[in-house]
Each structure stands twice: as structure tokens, then as C-alpha cells.
Amino acid sequence: MRDTASGPFVVTLVVDMPITKLDALDVIAFAADSVVDHAGTAFPRVGLAPNAWAEVQIPKFADPPPLTVDVCSDASLEVATVQAERLDTALTRLGWTVRLPRPGEAW
């Protein structure tokens, strides 16, 4: 089972709130005016733009938040960065507090 982002180019956003992976994916899909692809599988994701998508990684073994939103691209780091910034703005409008990983935080 994979516990890291699936794209070669990734920008990680962190959300310090208690939310399930399924609920987080639904909110991300709503914010991005998209849908959850591969729902009901081990590797769901939300399409953000051509060659860009978001995946949610949750803490292991009932650890408390944060959860991470990996914005992935198979095109370039620039595409991932632009889409991460757009998603951050959209989620912030919905009341989420989104941040980049702090130094030393390992995902």
C-alpha cells in the first residue's frame, strides 16, 4: 500500500484539523469544482487540471492531525505549485487553515 504521493512533482499542503480522508477529498473536489476519481479504491484523488491532481494522506495509527494534501503533477513542479496555490486559496475561502510543512516535519 502506498503512503506517499503518486506524482513525480509534488507540493504538500498541511491541514491541522480533524477530518476524515473521505470528507477531505469531498471538500477538495467541491473547492476545485471537480470530482473524486477512483472513489472507493485505495488510491482516490481529485483532478485539479490537466496533468495535476490532489491526494490526501492521513496520519497513521490514529495519530492526531495534521493531514496532508499532496498536489501532484506528472508535467512539472511549476504545474504542481500553481495548482497547490489555487487549491490553498479555494480551501481557505471555505474556512480551512492550510499551510506548508514546517521544517523537520516528515511525510
Protein backbone atom coordinates (compact mmCIF):
# COMPACT_ATOMS: atom_id res chain seq x y z
CA MET A 1 0.00 0.00 0.00
CA ARG A 2 1.29 3.44 -0.93
CA ASP A 3 1.60 6.14 1.72
CA THR A 4 3.35 8.76 -0.37
CA ALA A 5 2.29 10.93 -3.29
CA SER A 6 2.00 9.21 -6.65
CA GLY A 7 3.28 12.02 -8.87
CA PRO A 8 6.88 12.82 -9.75
CA PHE A 9 6.33 16.51 -8.89
CA VAL A 10 4.63 17.24 -5.56
CA VAL A 11 3.75 20.25 -3.43
CA THR A 12 2.47 19.34 0.01
CA LEU A 13 -0.14 21.35 1.88
CA VAL A 14 -0.89 20.68 5.54
CA VAL A 15 -4.28 20.95 7.22
CA ASP A 16 -4.38 20.99 11.02
CA MET A 17 -7.94 19.83 11.55
CA PRO A 18 -9.69 16.61 12.39
CA ILE A 19 -11.32 15.38 9.19
CA THR A 20 -11.53 12.00 7.54
CA LYS A 21 -9.82 11.27 4.27
CA LEU A 22 -13.15 10.80 2.51
CA ASP A 23 -14.54 14.08 3.81
CA ALA A 24 -11.32 15.89 2.91
CA LEU A 25 -11.47 14.53 -0.63
CA ASP A 26 -15.11 15.65 -0.94
CA VAL A 27 -14.25 19.17 0.22
CA ILE A 28 -11.26 19.34 -2.13
CA ALA A 29 -13.45 18.20 -5.03
CA PHE A 30 -16.04 20.84 -4.13
CA ALA A 31 -13.40 23.58 -3.82
CA ALA A 32 -11.85 22.59 -7.15
CA ASP A 33 -15.21 22.14 -8.92
CA SER A 34 -14.17 18.58 -9.66
CA VAL A 35 -14.95 15.02 -8.58
CA VAL A 36 -13.20 12.31 -6.61
CA ASP A 37 -11.59 9.97 -9.12
CA HIS A 38 -11.11 6.32 -8.14
CA ALA A 39 -13.55 6.73 -5.24
CA GLY A 40 -13.91 3.50 -3.29
CA THR A 41 -10.37 2.39 -4.10
CA ALA A 42 -7.20 2.55 -2.06
CA PHE A 43 -5.92 5.48 -4.12
CA PRO A 44 -8.62 8.12 -4.62
CA ARG A 45 -7.66 11.53 -5.94
CA VAL A 46 -9.20 14.76 -7.19
CA GLY A 47 -8.34 16.10 -10.62
CA LEU A 48 -7.32 19.76 -10.45
CA ALA A 49 -6.17 20.46 -14.02
CA PRO A 50 -4.68 18.53 -16.92
CA ASN A 51 -1.66 16.68 -15.51
CA ALA A 52 -2.41 17.72 -11.91
CA TRP A 53 -4.33 16.11 -9.06
CA ALA A 54 -4.67 16.14 -5.27
CA GLU A 55 -4.26 13.18 -2.93
CA VAL A 56 -4.88 13.09 0.81
CA GLN A 57 -2.50 11.40 3.23
CA ILE A 58 -3.79 10.80 6.73
CA PRO A 59 -1.88 10.21 9.96
CA LYS A 60 -1.07 6.61 10.76
CA PHE A 61 -2.29 4.60 13.73
CA ALA A 62 -4.81 7.16 14.96
CA ASP A 63 -2.23 9.92 15.26
CA PRO A 64 -3.85 13.34 15.54
CA PRO A 65 -3.90 15.80 12.67
CA PRO A 66 -2.36 17.22 10.60
CA LEU A 67 -3.30 15.56 7.39
CA THR A 68 -1.51 16.36 4.17
CA VAL A 69 -2.84 17.23 0.76
CA ASP A 70 -0.30 16.31 -1.89
CA VAL A 71 -0.79 18.28 -5.08
CA CYS A 72 0.85 16.17 -7.75
CA SER A 73 1.76 16.65 -11.37
CA ASP A 74 3.35 14.47 -13.98
CA ALA A 75 4.19 17.57 -16.06
CA SER A 76 6.35 19.82 -13.86
CA LEU A 77 6.92 21.28 -10.41
CA GLU A 78 5.57 24.58 -11.75
CA VAL A 79 2.22 22.95 -12.60
CA ALA A 80 2.05 21.37 -9.13
CA THR A 81 2.93 24.69 -7.48
CA VAL A 82 0.33 26.70 -9.40
CA GLN A 83 -2.37 24.14 -8.64
CA ALA A 84 -1.35 23.98 -4.95
CA GLU A 85 -1.67 27.75 -4.70
CA ARG A 86 -5.10 27.67 -6.37
CA LEU A 87 -6.27 24.88 -4.06
CA ASP A 88 -4.91 26.66 -0.99
CA THR A 89 -6.88 29.78 -1.93
CA ALA A 90 -10.08 27.81 -2.59
CA LEU A 91 -9.85 25.84 0.67
CA THR A 92 -9.08 28.99 2.65
CA ARG A 93 -12.26 30.55 1.26
CA LEU A 94 -14.14 27.56 2.67
CA GLY A 95 -12.69 28.17 6.13
CA TRP A 96 -9.79 25.73 6.13
CA THR A 97 -6.42 26.75 7.53
CA VAL A 98 -3.82 25.49 5.09
CA ARG A 99 -0.05 25.73 5.46
CA LEU A 100 3.15 24.36 4.02
CA PRO A 101 5.03 21.71 6.02
CA ARG A 102 7.23 23.10 8.77
CA PRO A 103 10.95 22.41 8.74
CA GLY A 104 11.56 18.97 10.15
CA GLU A 105 8.06 17.65 9.51
CA ALA A 106 8.43 14.40 7.64
CA TRP A 107 5.73 12.99 5.43
